[in-house]
């Protein structure tokens, strides 16, 4: 898969930008751009986890989902038992 980049204009507080420039000059980050990119990536991962957690909480409150889950667990209980038994031997 080819990764593409797109320029986007945004504003940062001057103090924050100054710190990022100092970090870049000191070698803590390769560039201000890479620091911003890493921060945004970390934020997206954190937000994705929060969304998934929220969706899982909603599913846990859904009686039809819980019923489906129980049925699937029952359907696979024998094969799960067999797999566990094979590991013990």
C-alpha atoms as a PDB file:
ATOM      1  CA  UNK A   1       0.000   0.000   0.000  1.00  0.00           C
ATOM      2  CA  UNK A   2       1.362   3.364  -0.990  1.00  0.00           C
ATOM      3  CA  UNK A   3       1.425   5.959   1.758  1.00  0.00           C
ATOM      4  CA  UNK A   4       0.653   9.491   0.762  1.00  0.00           C
ATOM      5  CA  UNK A   5       1.012  12.748   2.634  1.00  0.00           C
ATOM      6  CA  UNK A   6      -0.926  15.949   2.352  1.00  0.00           C
ATOM      7  CA  UNK A   7       0.050  19.369   3.583  1.00  0.00           C
ATOM      8  CA  UNK A   8      -2.380  20.961   5.987  1.00  0.00           C
ATOM      9  CA  UNK A   9      -2.185  24.324   7.676  1.00  0.00           C
ATOM     10  CA  UNK A  10      -2.809  24.564  11.414  1.00  0.00           C
ATOM     11  CA  UNK A  11      -1.857  26.834  14.279  1.00  0.00           C
ATOM     12  CA  UNK A  12       0.116  26.004  17.402  1.00  0.00           C
ATOM     13  CA  UNK A  13       0.804  28.150  20.441  1.00  0.00           C
ATOM     14  CA  UNK A  14       4.135  29.953  20.014  1.00  0.00           C
ATOM     15  CA  UNK A  15       5.512  28.450  23.242  1.00  0.00           C
ATOM     16  CA  UNK A  16       4.778  24.932  22.041  1.00  0.00           C
ATOM     17  CA  UNK A  17       6.311  25.542  18.639  1.00  0.00           C
ATOM     18  CA  UNK A  18       9.416  27.036  20.265  1.00  0.00           C
ATOM     19  CA  UNK A  19       9.799  23.925  22.424  1.00  0.00           C
ATOM     20  CA  UNK A  20       9.434  21.651  19.420  1.00  0.00           C
ATOM     21  CA  UNK A  21      12.093  23.638  17.558  1.00  0.00           C
ATOM     22  CA  UNK A  22      14.456  23.333  20.536  1.00  0.00           C
ATOM     23  CA  UNK A  23      13.799  19.583  20.760  1.00  0.00           C
ATOM     24  CA  UNK A  24      14.565  19.255  17.078  1.00  0.00           C
ATOM     25  CA  UNK A  25      17.768  21.299  17.345  1.00  0.00           C
ATOM     26  CA  UNK A  26      18.868  19.207  20.345  1.00  0.00           C
ATOM     27  CA  UNK A  27      18.213  15.984  18.433  1.00  0.00           C
ATOM     28  CA  UNK A  28      15.311  14.709  20.554  1.00  0.00           C
ATOM     29  CA  UNK A  29      13.152  14.636  17.426  1.00  0.00           C
ATOM     30  CA  UNK A  30      14.272  14.647  13.834  1.00  0.00           C
ATOM     31  CA  UNK A  31      12.099  17.643  12.930  1.00  0.00           C
ATOM     32  CA  UNK A  32       9.155  19.694  14.129  1.00  0.00           C
ATOM     33  CA  UNK A  33       7.065  18.023  11.429  1.00  0.00           C
ATOM     34  CA  UNK A  34       7.953  14.529  12.646  1.00  0.00           C
ATOM     35  CA  UNK A  35       7.172  15.506  16.263  1.00  0.00           C
ATOM     36  CA  UNK A  36       3.736  16.812  15.241  1.00  0.00           C
ATOM     37  CA  UNK A  37       3.129  13.693  13.123  1.00  0.00           C
ATOM     38  CA  UNK A  38       4.054  11.380  16.035  1.00  0.00           C
ATOM     39  CA  UNK A  39       1.827  13.336  18.406  1.00  0.00           C
ATOM     40  CA  UNK A  40      -1.141  13.198  16.037  1.00  0.00           C
ATOM     41  CA  UNK A  41      -0.601   9.464  15.443  1.00  0.00           C
ATOM     42  CA  UNK A  42      -0.535   8.845  19.216  1.00  0.00           C
ATOM     43  CA  UNK A  43      -3.713  10.905  19.616  1.00  0.00           C
ATOM     44  CA  UNK A  44      -5.479   8.946  16.880  1.00  0.00           C
ATOM     45  CA  UNK A  45      -4.489   5.606  18.458  1.00  0.00           C
ATOM     46  CA  UNK A  46      -5.713   6.826  21.871  1.00  0.00           C
ATOM     47  CA  UNK A  47      -9.005   8.045  20.383  1.00  0.00           C
ATOM     48  CA  UNK A  48      -9.494   4.785  18.441  1.00  0.00           C
ATOM     49  CA  UNK A  49      -9.054   2.845  21.708  1.00  0.00           C
ATOM     50  CA  UNK A  50     -11.578   5.093  23.480  1.00  0.00           C
ATOM     51  CA  UNK A  51     -14.099   4.571  20.669  1.00  0.00           C
ATOM     52  CA  UNK A  52     -13.586   0.789  20.740  1.00  0.00           C
ATOM     53  CA  UNK A  53     -13.962   0.744  24.533  1.00  0.00           C
ATOM     54  CA  UNK A  54     -17.206   2.704  24.241  1.00  0.00           C
ATOM     55  CA  UNK A  55     -18.513   0.344  21.555  1.00  0.00           C
ATOM     56  CA  UNK A  56     -17.582  -2.686  23.653  1.00  0.00           C
ATOM     57  CA  UNK A  57     -19.391  -1.205  26.659  1.00  0.00           C
ATOM     58  CA  UNK A  58     -22.465  -0.650  24.516  1.00  0.00           C
ATOM     59  CA  UNK A  59     -22.307  -4.204  23.208  1.00  0.00           C
ATOM     60  CA  UNK A  60     -21.994  -5.526  26.756  1.00  0.00           C
ATOM     61  CA  UNK A  61     -25.346  -3.873  27.523  1.00  0.00           C
ATOM     62  CA  UNK A  62     -27.047  -5.349  24.437  1.00  0.00           C
ATOM     63  CA  UNK A  63     -29.010  -8.499  25.352  1.00  0.00           C
ATOM     64  CA  UNK A  64     -28.993  -9.812  21.755  1.00  0.00           C
ATOM     65  CA  UNK A  65     -25.207  -9.450  21.528  1.00  0.00           C
ATOM     66  CA  UNK A  66     -24.736 -11.228  24.861  1.00  0.00           C
ATOM     67  CA  UNK A  67     -27.077 -14.026  23.740  1.00  0.00           C
ATOM     68  CA  UNK A  68     -25.121 -14.408  20.486  1.00  0.00           C
ATOM     69  CA  UNK A  69     -21.843 -14.441  22.390  1.00  0.00           C
ATOM     70  CA  UNK A  70     -23.097 -17.107  24.806  1.00  0.00           C
ATOM     71  CA  UNK A  71     -24.255 -19.271  21.891  1.00  0.00           C
ATOM     72  CA  UNK A  72     -20.898 -18.939  20.135  1.00  0.00           C
ATOM     73  CA  UNK A  73     -19.054 -19.840  23.331  1.00  0.00           C
ATOM     74  CA  UNK A  74     -21.243 -22.923  23.746  1.00  0.00           C
ATOM     75  CA  UNK A  75     -20.754 -23.881  20.087  1.00  0.00           C
ATOM     76  CA  UNK A  76     -16.968 -23.765  20.443  1.00  0.00           C
ATOM     77  CA  UNK A  77     -16.661 -25.128  23.973  1.00  0.00           C
ATOM     78  CA  UNK A  78     -15.815 -28.664  22.831  1.00  0.00           C
ATOM     79  CA  UNK A  79     -13.135 -27.545  20.356  1.00  0.00           C
ATOM     80  CA  UNK A  80     -11.716 -25.184  22.991  1.00  0.00           C
ATOM     81  CA  UNK A  81     -11.590 -28.109  25.413  1.00  0.00           C
ATOM     82  CA  UNK A  82      -9.824 -30.279  22.828  1.00  0.00           C
ATOM     83  CA  UNK A  83      -7.259 -27.572  22.052  1.00  0.00           C
ATOM     84  CA  UNK A  84      -6.509 -27.094  25.748  1.00  0.00           C
ATOM     85  CA  UNK A  85      -6.194 -30.833  26.300  1.00  0.00           C
ATOM     86  CA  UNK A  86      -3.741 -31.185  23.403  1.00  0.00           C
ATOM     87  CA  UNK A  87      -1.487 -28.485  24.876  1.00  0.00           C
ATOM     88  CA  UNK A  88      -1.390 -30.288  28.226  1.00  0.00           C
ATOM     89  CA  UNK A  89      -0.292 -33.581  26.641  1.00  0.00           C
END
